[in-house]
Amino acid sequence: MASQEITPADRIRELNDISSGIAEMLRHMGQAISALAPNPDEGGDNMAARKATFDEHSKAAYTGIQAFQAKMRRQAYALEEAGIIAAEAPVIRVKSNQPQAQGAAAGRGGPAAAGAQVVEAERVTNGGLGNLDVGWLNSRGNKVAVEMESELLQEAKDLLQRELERKQTSETAG
């Protein structure tokens, strides 16, 4: 059985389907949440009907989440097959001249083992930033914005002060 060639247009259609599926899933979630509160427009509090509505929409939302996961996994596999993304995170190999352990080098390997290079493998995470969360840093770094705001307010105050003085001098001269 020959494998079918999938074109970029097919991939775009699949991504559009995923996007519309997300909208549908969010609609079901909203309706499930709204079913939890009594609706005064219905003319009564029918708990059984609200529960049935909640169950129906929460199941549809859960099914949508599962479909989304499967479709996104399929897209990731397609990107891996195309060589656009790596199947696994790249590995950085670091060589160090430090002995592995003080007692191990002296007891078993002697002086030759003490000078051997140790190769450590470390997976690249977060685009090479490791556990550094840039979003966290950015959310706490508003010092520049506060200083800029105070500078702009001072400039505006100075501008208004000069304009007021210019008007006063023109009125007294005139």
N, C-alpha and C. Protein backbone atom coordinates (compact mmCIF):
# COMPACT_ATOMS: atom_id res chain seq x y z
N MET A 1 0.85 -1.18 0.00
CA MET A 1 0.00 0.00 0.00
C MET A 1 0.89 1.23 0.00
N ALA A 2 0.74 2.10 -0.99
CA ALA A 2 1.58 3.29 -1.11
C ALA A 2 1.12 4.36 -0.13
N SER A 3 2.12 5.08 0.39
CA SER A 3 1.77 6.15 1.33
C SER A 3 1.28 7.37 0.56
N GLN A 4 0.29 8.00 1.07
CA GLN A 4 -0.33 9.14 0.42
C GLN A 4 0.45 10.40 0.77
N GLU A 5 0.77 11.20 -0.24
CA GLU A 5 1.50 12.45 -0.04
C GLU A 5 0.54 13.50 0.53
N ILE A 6 0.94 14.10 1.64
CA ILE A 6 0.12 15.13 2.27
C ILE A 6 0.74 16.48 1.93
N THR A 7 -0.05 17.34 1.33
CA THR A 7 0.45 18.64 0.87
C THR A 7 0.35 19.68 1.99
N PRO A 8 1.07 20.79 1.85
CA PRO A 8 0.93 21.87 2.83
C PRO A 8 -0.51 22.39 2.94
N ALA A 9 -1.24 22.36 1.83
CA ALA A 9 -2.65 22.80 1.87
C ALA A 9 -3.47 21.86 2.76
N ASP A 10 -3.16 20.56 2.70
CA ASP A 10 -3.85 19.60 3.57
C ASP A 10 -3.53 19.88 5.03
N ARG A 11 -2.28 20.20 5.32
CA ARG A 11 -1.87 20.53 6.69
C ARG A 11 -2.60 21.77 7.19
N ILE A 12 -2.73 22.76 6.33
CA ILE A 12 -3.42 23.99 6.71
C ILE A 12 -4.89 23.70 6.98
N ARG A 13 -5.51 22.86 6.15
CA ARG A 13 -6.92 22.49 6.39
C ARG A 13 -7.05 21.77 7.73
N GLU A 14 -6.09 20.88 8.04
CA GLU A 14 -6.12 20.18 9.32
C GLU A 14 -6.00 21.15 10.48
N LEU A 15 -5.12 22.14 10.36
CA LEU A 15 -4.97 23.15 11.42
C LEU A 15 -6.23 23.99 11.55
N ASN A 16 -6.90 24.29 10.45
CA ASN A 16 -8.17 25.03 10.52
C ASN A 16 -9.23 24.19 11.22
N ASP A 17 -9.23 22.88 10.97
CA ASP A 17 -10.18 21.99 11.66
C ASP A 17 -9.90 21.99 13.15
N ILE A 18 -8.62 21.98 13.52
CA ILE A 18 -8.26 22.02 14.93
C ILE A 18 -8.75 23.31 15.56
N SER A 19 -8.56 24.42 14.85
CA SER A 19 -8.99 25.72 15.35
C SER A 19 -10.51 25.77 15.56
N SER A 20 -11.25 25.27 14.59
CA SER A 20 -12.72 25.28 14.75
C SER A 20 -13.14 24.31 15.85
N GLY A 21 -12.39 23.21 16.01
CA GLY A 21 -12.69 22.28 17.10
C GLY A 21 -12.48 22.90 18.46
N ILE A 22 -11.47 23.76 18.57
CA ILE A 22 -11.22 24.46 19.84
C ILE A 22 -12.38 25.39 20.16
N ALA A 23 -12.86 26.11 19.14
CA ALA A 23 -14.00 27.01 19.35
C ALA A 23 -15.23 26.23 19.80
N GLU A 24 -15.47 25.10 19.17
CA GLU A 24 -16.62 24.26 19.55
C GLU A 24 -16.46 23.73 20.97
N MET A 25 -15.23 23.31 21.31
CA MET A 25 -14.96 22.79 22.64
C MET A 25 -15.21 23.88 23.69
N LEU A 26 -14.76 25.10 23.42
CA LEU A 26 -14.97 26.20 24.35
C LEU A 26 -16.46 26.54 24.49
N ARG A 27 -17.20 26.42 23.39
CA ARG A 27 -18.65 26.66 23.45
C ARG A 27 -19.30 25.64 24.37
N HIS A 28 -18.91 24.37 24.24
CA HIS A 28 -19.47 23.33 25.11
C HIS A 28 -19.09 23.59 26.57
N MET A 29 -17.87 24.01 26.81
CA MET A 29 -17.45 24.31 28.19
C MET A 29 -18.28 25.45 28.77
N GLY A 30 -18.50 26.48 27.98
CA GLY A 30 -19.31 27.60 28.44
C GLY A 30 -20.74 27.19 28.75
N GLN A 31 -21.30 26.36 27.90
CA GLN A 31 -22.68 25.91 28.14
C GLN A 31 -22.75 24.98 29.35
N ALA A 32 -21.72 24.19 29.56
CA ALA A 32 -21.70 23.31 30.74
C ALA A 32 -21.63 24.16 32.01
N ILE A 33 -20.81 25.20 31.98
CA ILE A 33 -20.70 26.07 33.15
C ILE A 33 -21.99 26.84 33.39
N SER A 34 -22.59 27.33 32.31
CA SER A 34 -23.84 28.08 32.49
C SER A 34 -24.98 27.19 32.97
N ALA A 35 -24.90 25.89 32.70
CA ALA A 35 -25.93 24.96 33.18
C ALA A 35 -25.87 24.78 34.68
N LEU A 36 -24.74 25.13 35.30
CA LEU A 36 -24.61 24.97 36.75
C LEU A 36 -25.45 25.99 37.52
N ALA A 37 -25.71 27.13 36.93
CA ALA A 37 -26.47 28.19 37.62
C ALA A 37 -27.92 28.14 37.16
N PRO A 38 -28.85 28.38 38.07
CA PRO A 38 -30.26 28.38 37.67
C PRO A 38 -30.55 29.56 36.74
N ASN A 39 -31.42 29.33 35.77
CA ASN A 39 -31.79 30.36 34.81
C ASN A 39 -33.19 30.86 35.15
N PRO A 40 -33.33 32.11 35.59
CA PRO A 40 -34.66 32.61 35.97
C PRO A 40 -35.59 32.76 34.77
N ASP A 41 -35.06 32.80 33.56
CA ASP A 41 -35.90 32.95 32.37
C ASP A 41 -36.68 31.67 32.04
N GLU A 42 -36.20 30.54 32.54
CA GLU A 42 -36.86 29.27 32.26
C GLU A 42 -38.13 29.09 33.09
N GLY A 43 -38.35 29.94 34.07
CA GLY A 43 -39.56 29.88 34.86
C GLY A 43 -39.54 28.82 35.95
N GLY A 44 -38.41 28.46 36.40
CA GLY A 44 -38.32 27.47 37.46
C GLY A 44 -36.91 26.90 37.52
N ASP A 45 -36.67 26.16 38.58
CA ASP A 45 -35.35 25.59 38.77
C ASP A 45 -35.45 24.09 38.58
N ASN A 46 -35.26 23.64 37.35
CA ASN A 46 -35.33 22.22 37.03
C ASN A 46 -33.92 21.64 37.14
N MET A 47 -33.61 21.09 38.30
CA MET A 47 -32.27 20.58 38.59
C MET A 47 -31.92 19.40 37.68
N ALA A 48 -32.85 18.53 37.39
CA ALA A 48 -32.58 17.36 36.55
C ALA A 48 -32.21 17.80 35.12
N ALA A 49 -32.91 18.79 34.59
CA ALA A 49 -32.61 19.28 33.24
C ALA A 49 -31.24 19.95 33.21
N ARG A 50 -30.92 20.72 34.24
CA ARG A 50 -29.62 21.39 34.30
C ARG A 50 -28.50 20.36 34.39
N LYS A 51 -28.73 19.30 35.18
CA LYS A 51 -27.72 18.26 35.33
C LYS A 51 -27.50 17.53 34.01
N ALA A 52 -28.57 17.24 33.30
CA ALA A 52 -28.47 16.56 32.00
C ALA A 52 -27.73 17.45 31.00
N THR A 53 -28.04 18.74 31.00
CA THR A 53 -27.36 19.67 30.11
C THR A 53 -25.87 19.75 30.44
N PHE A 54 -25.57 19.82 31.72
CA PHE A 54 -24.16 19.86 32.15
C PHE A 54 -23.42 18.61 31.70
N ASP A 55 -24.03 17.43 31.94
CA ASP A 55 -23.39 16.17 31.56
C ASP A 55 -23.16 16.10 30.05
N GLU A 56 -24.15 16.52 29.28
CA GLU A 56 -24.04 16.47 27.82
C GLU A 56 -22.89 17.36 27.32
N HIS A 57 -22.85 18.59 27.82
CA HIS A 57 -21.84 19.53 27.33
C HIS A 57 -20.45 19.23 27.91
N SER A 58 -20.37 18.73 29.12
CA SER A 58 -19.05 18.41 29.66
C SER A 58 -18.46 17.19 28.95
N LYS A 59 -19.30 16.22 28.59
CA LYS A 59 -18.81 15.08 27.82
C LYS A 59 -18.34 15.51 26.43
N ALA A 60 -19.10 16.41 25.81
CA ALA A 60 -18.71 16.90 24.48
C ALA A 60 -17.40 17.69 24.57
N ALA A 61 -17.22 18.46 25.64
CA ALA A 61 -15.98 19.22 25.81
C ALA A 61 -14.81 18.27 26.05
N TYR A 62 -15.01 17.23 26.84
CA TYR A 62 -13.95 16.26 27.11
C TYR A 62 -13.57 15.52 25.82
N THR A 63 -14.56 15.16 25.03
CA THR A 63 -14.29 14.52 23.74
C THR A 63 -13.52 15.46 22.83
N GLY A 64 -13.86 16.73 22.86
CA GLY A 64 -13.14 17.73 22.07
C GLY A 64 -11.69 17.86 22.50
N ILE A 65 -11.46 17.80 23.81
CA ILE A 65 -10.08 17.88 24.32
C ILE A 65 -9.27 16.68 23.84
N GLN A 66 -9.86 15.50 23.89
CA GLN A 66 -9.15 14.30 23.43
C GLN A 66 -8.86 14.38 21.94
N ALA A 67 -9.82 14.86 21.16
CA ALA A 67 -9.61 15.01 19.71
C ALA A 67 -8.51 16.03 19.43
N PHE A 68 -8.51 17.12 20.20
CA PHE A 68 -7.47 18.15 20.04
C PHE A 68 -6.09 17.56 20.31
N GLN A 69 -5.96 16.80 21.39
CA GLN A 69 -4.67 16.19 21.72
C GLN A 69 -4.20 15.26 20.61
N ALA A 70 -5.10 14.44 20.09
CA ALA A 70 -4.73 13.50 19.04
C ALA A 70 -4.31 14.24 17.77
N LYS A 71 -5.05 15.27 17.40
CA LYS A 71 -4.72 16.02 16.18
C LYS A 71 -3.41 16.78 16.32
N MET A 72 -3.16 17.35 17.50
CA MET A 72 -1.91 18.07 17.70
C MET A 72 -0.73 17.10 17.73
N ARG A 73 -0.92 15.92 18.29
CA ARG A 73 0.14 14.91 18.29
C ARG A 73 0.45 14.51 16.84
N ARG A 74 -0.59 14.37 16.03
CA ARG A 74 -0.40 14.03 14.62
C ARG A 74 0.37 15.13 13.90
N GLN A 75 0.06 16.39 14.21
CA GLN A 75 0.78 17.51 13.60
C GLN A 75 2.25 17.51 14.04
N ALA A 76 2.49 17.21 15.30
CA ALA A 76 3.88 17.16 15.78
C ALA A 76 4.65 16.06 15.09
N TYR A 77 4.02 14.89 14.90
CA TYR A 77 4.69 13.80 14.18
C TYR A 77 4.99 14.20 12.74
N ALA A 78 4.06 14.91 12.12
CA ALA A 78 4.28 15.36 10.74
C ALA A 78 5.45 16.34 10.67
N LEU A 79 5.56 17.22 11.66
CA LEU A 79 6.69 18.16 11.69
C LEU A 79 8.01 17.41 11.92
N GLU A 80 7.97 16.37 12.74
CA GLU A 80 9.17 15.56 12.96
C GLU A 80 9.58 14.85 11.68
N GLU A 81 8.60 14.26 10.98
CA GLU A 81 8.90 13.55 9.74
C GLU A 81 9.46 14.47 8.67
N ALA A 82 8.99 15.71 8.66
CA ALA A 82 9.46 16.68 7.67
C ALA A 82 10.82 17.25 8.05
N GLY A 83 11.29 16.95 9.25
CA GLY A 83 12.59 17.44 9.70
C GLY A 83 12.55 18.88 10.18
N ILE A 84 11.36 19.39 10.48
CA ILE A 84 11.22 20.78 10.93
C ILE A 84 11.54 20.90 12.41
N ILE A 85 11.10 19.92 13.18
CA ILE A 85 11.44 19.89 14.61
C ILE A 85 12.11 18.56 14.92
N ALA A 86 12.89 18.54 15.99
CA ALA A 86 13.57 17.32 16.40
C ALA A 86 12.61 16.42 17.16
N ALA A 87 12.80 15.12 17.00
CA ALA A 87 11.94 14.17 17.71
C ALA A 87 12.17 14.24 19.20
N GLU A 88 13.41 14.49 19.60
CA GLU A 88 13.75 14.63 21.01
C GLU A 88 14.54 15.91 21.19
N ALA A 89 14.58 16.37 22.40
CA ALA A 89 15.36 17.57 22.68
C ALA A 89 16.84 17.30 22.42
N PRO A 90 17.55 18.24 21.81
CA PRO A 90 18.98 18.03 21.57
C PRO A 90 19.73 17.82 22.88
N VAL A 91 20.86 17.13 22.77
CA VAL A 91 21.67 16.83 23.95
C VAL A 91 22.99 17.58 23.82
N ILE A 92 23.38 18.24 24.88
CA ILE A 92 24.66 18.91 24.94
C ILE A 92 25.61 18.01 25.72
N ARG A 93 26.76 17.77 25.18
CA ARG A 93 27.76 16.96 25.86
C ARG A 93 28.83 17.90 26.40
N VAL A 94 29.07 17.81 27.69
CA VAL A 94 30.05 18.65 28.35
C VAL A 94 31.16 17.76 28.89
N LYS A 95 32.41 18.11 28.58
CA LYS A 95 33.54 17.34 29.10
C LYS A 95 34.13 18.09 30.28
N SER A 96 34.45 17.34 31.31
CA SER A 96 35.10 17.96 32.46
C SER A 96 36.27 17.08 32.88
N ASN A 97 37.29 17.70 33.45
CA ASN A 97 38.47 16.98 33.90
C ASN A 97 38.41 16.61 35.37
N GLN A 98 37.26 16.79 36.00
CA GLN A 98 37.13 16.50 37.41
C GLN A 98 36.94 15.00 37.60
N PRO A 99 37.57 14.42 38.64
CA PRO A 99 37.34 13.00 38.90
C PRO A 99 35.90 12.76 39.31
N GLN A 100 35.39 11.57 38.98
CA GLN A 100 33.99 11.27 39.27
C GLN A 100 33.73 11.24 40.76
N ALA A 101 34.59 10.61 41.50
CA ALA A 101 34.42 10.56 42.95
C ALA A 101 35.80 10.42 43.57
N GLN A 102 35.99 10.99 44.71
CA GLN A 102 37.31 10.97 45.36
C GLN A 102 37.76 9.54 45.66
N GLY A 103 36.93 8.77 46.28
CA GLY A 103 37.29 7.42 46.69
C GLY A 103 37.37 6.47 45.53
N ALA A 104 36.53 6.62 44.51
CA ALA A 104 36.48 5.69 43.40
C ALA A 104 37.75 5.76 42.56
N ALA A 105 38.26 6.96 42.32
CA ALA A 105 39.45 7.11 41.48
C ALA A 105 40.68 6.56 42.19
N ALA A 106 40.84 6.81 43.44
CA ALA A 106 42.02 6.37 44.17
C ALA A 106 41.98 4.88 44.44
N GLY A 107 40.81 4.32 44.73
CA GLY A 107 40.71 2.93 45.14
C GLY A 107 40.77 1.96 43.99
N ARG A 108 40.07 2.24 42.89
CA ARG A 108 39.97 1.25 41.84
C ARG A 108 40.77 1.59 40.59
N GLY A 109 40.77 2.82 40.19
CA GLY A 109 41.38 3.13 38.91
C GLY A 109 42.77 3.68 39.02
N GLY A 110 43.19 4.13 40.15
CA GLY A 110 44.52 4.68 40.32
C GLY A 110 44.65 6.04 39.66
N PRO A 111 45.84 6.46 39.37
CA PRO A 111 46.07 7.78 38.80
C PRO A 111 45.51 7.94 37.41
N ALA A 112 45.43 6.89 36.61
CA ALA A 112 44.91 7.01 35.25
C ALA A 112 43.43 7.36 35.28
N ALA A 113 42.69 6.77 36.18
CA ALA A 113 41.26 7.05 36.27
C ALA A 113 41.00 8.43 36.84
N ALA A 114 41.88 8.95 37.65
CA ALA A 114 41.68 10.26 38.25
C ALA A 114 41.73 11.37 37.21
N GLY A 115 42.52 11.21 36.14
CA GLY A 115 42.61 12.25 35.12
C GLY A 115 41.66 12.04 33.96
N ALA A 116 40.88 10.97 33.95
CA ALA A 116 39.98 10.69 32.83
C ALA A 116 38.89 11.73 32.75
N GLN A 117 38.47 12.00 31.51
CA GLN A 117 37.42 12.99 31.31
C GLN A 117 36.05 12.35 31.52
N VAL A 118 35.21 13.09 32.16
CA VAL A 118 33.86 12.64 32.42
C VAL A 118 32.96 13.34 31.40
N VAL A 119 32.15 12.58 30.69
CA VAL A 119 31.23 13.16 29.71
C VAL A 119 29.85 13.21 30.35
N GLU A 120 29.34 14.40 30.45
CA GLU A 120 28.01 14.59 31.04
C GLU A 120 27.06 14.99 29.92
N ALA A 121 25.90 14.39 29.89
CA ALA A 121 24.89 14.72 28.89
C ALA A 121 23.79 15.52 29.56
N GLU A 122 23.39 16.56 28.90
CA GLU A 122 22.34 17.41 29.45
C GLU A 122 21.37 17.76 28.34
N ARG A 123 20.10 17.53 28.55
CA ARG A 123 19.08 17.83 27.55
C ARG A 123 18.83 19.34 27.51
N VAL A 124 18.61 19.84 26.29
CA VAL A 124 18.29 21.25 26.11
C VAL A 124 16.81 21.42 26.42
N THR A 125 16.50 22.28 27.37
CA THR A 125 15.11 22.54 27.71
C THR A 125 14.83 24.02 27.59
N ASN A 126 13.61 24.35 27.27
CA ASN A 126 13.15 25.73 27.21
C ASN A 126 14.01 26.55 26.24
N GLY A 127 14.32 25.96 25.08
CA GLY A 127 15.10 26.66 24.08
C GLY A 127 16.51 26.98 24.51
N GLY A 128 17.07 26.21 25.40
CA GLY A 128 18.42 26.43 25.87
C GLY A 128 18.50 27.27 27.13
N LEU A 129 17.36 27.71 27.64
CA LEU A 129 17.34 28.53 28.85
C LEU A 129 17.24 27.69 30.11
N GLY A 130 17.06 26.38 29.97
CA GLY A 130 16.95 25.52 31.14
C GLY A 130 15.67 25.78 31.91
N ASN A 131 15.78 25.90 33.20
CA ASN A 131 14.60 26.12 34.04
C ASN A 131 14.30 27.60 34.24
N LEU A 132 14.99 28.47 33.53
CA LEU A 132 14.75 29.90 33.64
C LEU A 132 13.43 30.24 32.98
N ASP A 133 12.53 30.81 33.72
CA ASP A 133 11.22 31.18 33.19
C ASP A 133 11.24 32.67 32.86
N VAL A 134 11.32 32.97 31.58
CA VAL A 134 11.42 34.35 31.13
C VAL A 134 10.13 35.11 31.44
N GLY A 135 9.00 34.44 31.35
CA GLY A 135 7.72 35.09 31.66
C GLY A 135 7.68 35.56 33.11
N TRP A 136 8.21 34.74 34.00
CA TRP A 136 8.25 35.11 35.41
C TRP A 136 9.13 36.34 35.60
N LEU A 137 10.27 36.35 34.94
CA LEU A 137 11.16 37.51 35.05
C LEU A 137 10.50 38.77 34.51
N ASN A 138 9.87 38.65 33.36
CA ASN A 138 9.23 39.82 32.76
C ASN A 138 8.07 40.34 33.60
N SER A 139 7.37 39.45 34.27
CA SER A 139 6.23 39.89 35.07
C SER A 139 6.67 40.66 36.31
N ARG A 140 7.91 40.49 36.73
CA ARG A 140 8.40 41.18 37.92
C ARG A 140 9.26 42.39 37.60
N GLY A 141 9.55 42.60 36.33
CA GLY A 141 10.46 43.68 35.95
C GLY A 141 9.74 44.90 35.43
N ASN A 142 9.02 45.62 36.27
CA ASN A 142 8.33 46.81 35.82
C ASN A 142 9.04 48.09 36.24
N LYS A 143 10.27 47.99 36.70
CA LYS A 143 11.02 49.16 37.16
C LYS A 143 11.21 50.15 36.03
N VAL A 144 11.55 49.65 34.85
CA VAL A 144 11.77 50.53 33.70
C VAL A 144 10.49 51.26 33.34
N ALA A 145 9.37 50.56 33.36
CA ALA A 145 8.10 51.19 33.01
C ALA A 145 7.73 52.27 34.01
N VAL A 146 7.95 52.03 35.29
CA VAL A 146 7.62 53.02 36.31
C VAL A 146 8.51 54.25 36.16
N GLU A 147 9.81 54.02 35.92
CA GLU A 147 10.72 55.15 35.75
C GLU A 147 10.36 55.95 34.50
N MET A 148 10.03 55.27 33.41
CA MET A 148 9.68 55.95 32.17
C MET A 148 8.40 56.76 32.35
N GLU A 149 7.45 56.20 33.06
CA GLU A 149 6.20 56.91 33.31
C GLU A 149 6.46 58.18 34.13
N SER A 150 7.30 58.11 35.15
CA SER A 150 7.59 59.29 35.95
C SER A 150 8.34 60.33 35.13
N GLU A 151 9.25 59.90 34.24
CA GLU A 151 9.95 60.85 33.37
C GLU A 151 8.99 61.54 32.43
N LEU A 152 8.05 60.78 31.85
CA LEU A 152 7.08 61.38 30.94
C LEU A 152 6.16 62.34 31.67
N LEU A 153 5.76 61.99 32.88
CA LEU A 153 4.92 62.91 33.66
C LEU A 153 5.67 64.19 33.99
N GLN A 154 6.95 64.08 34.32
CA GLN A 154 7.76 65.26 34.62
C GLN A 154 7.91 66.13 33.37
N GLU A 155 8.13 65.51 32.21
CA GLU A 155 8.23 66.28 30.97
C GLU A 155 6.93 67.00 30.66
N ALA A 156 5.80 66.32 30.86
CA ALA A 156 4.51 66.95 30.62
C ALA A 156 4.29 68.10 31.58
N LYS A 157 4.65 67.93 32.83
CA LYS A 157 4.51 68.99 33.83
C LYS A 157 5.37 70.19 33.44
N ASP A 158 6.63 69.96 33.04
CA ASP A 158 7.51 71.04 32.62
C ASP A 158 6.95 71.77 31.40
N LEU A 159 6.43 71.01 30.44
CA LEU A 159 5.85 71.61 29.24
C LEU A 159 4.66 72.49 29.59
N LEU A 160 3.78 71.99 30.45
CA LEU A 160 2.62 72.80 30.87
C LEU A 160 3.06 74.03 31.65
N GLN A 161 4.08 73.90 32.48
CA GLN A 161 4.58 75.03 33.25
C GLN A 161 5.13 76.11 32.32
N ARG A 162 5.91 75.72 31.32
CA ARG A 162 6.46 76.69 30.36
C ARG A 162 5.35 77.37 29.58
N GLU A 163 4.35 76.60 29.17
CA GLU A 163 3.23 77.17 28.42
C GLU A 163 2.44 78.15 29.28
N LEU A 164 2.25 77.83 30.54
CA LEU A 164 1.54 78.73 31.46
C LEU A 164 2.34 80.01 31.65
N GLU A 165 3.65 79.90 31.83
CA GLU A 165 4.50 81.09 31.99
C GLU A 165 4.49 81.93 30.72
N ARG A 166 4.50 81.29 29.54
CA ARG A 166 4.48 82.03 28.29
C ARG A 166 3.17 82.79 28.13
N LYS A 167 2.06 82.18 28.52
CA LYS A 167 0.76 82.85 28.43
C LYS A 167 0.69 84.03 29.39
N GLN A 168 1.22 83.83 30.60
CA GLN A 168 1.19 84.91 31.59
C GLN A 168 2.04 86.09 31.14
N THR A 169 3.19 85.82 30.54
CA THR A 169 4.05 86.93 30.07
C THR A 169 3.42 87.63 28.88
N SER A 170 2.70 86.88 28.03
CA SER A 170 2.07 87.52 26.87
C SER A 170 0.88 88.36 27.31
N GLU A 171 0.18 87.96 28.37
CA GLU A 171 -0.97 88.72 28.87
C GLU A 171 -0.51 90.00 29.57
N THR A 172 0.57 89.92 30.32
CA THR A 172 1.07 91.12 31.01
C THR A 172 1.71 92.10 30.05
N ALA A 173 2.30 91.60 28.95
CA ALA A 173 2.92 92.48 27.95
C ALA A 173 1.85 93.13 27.10
N GLY A 174 0.73 92.48 26.92
CA GLY A 174 -0.30 92.95 25.99
C GLY A 174 -1.29 93.82 26.62
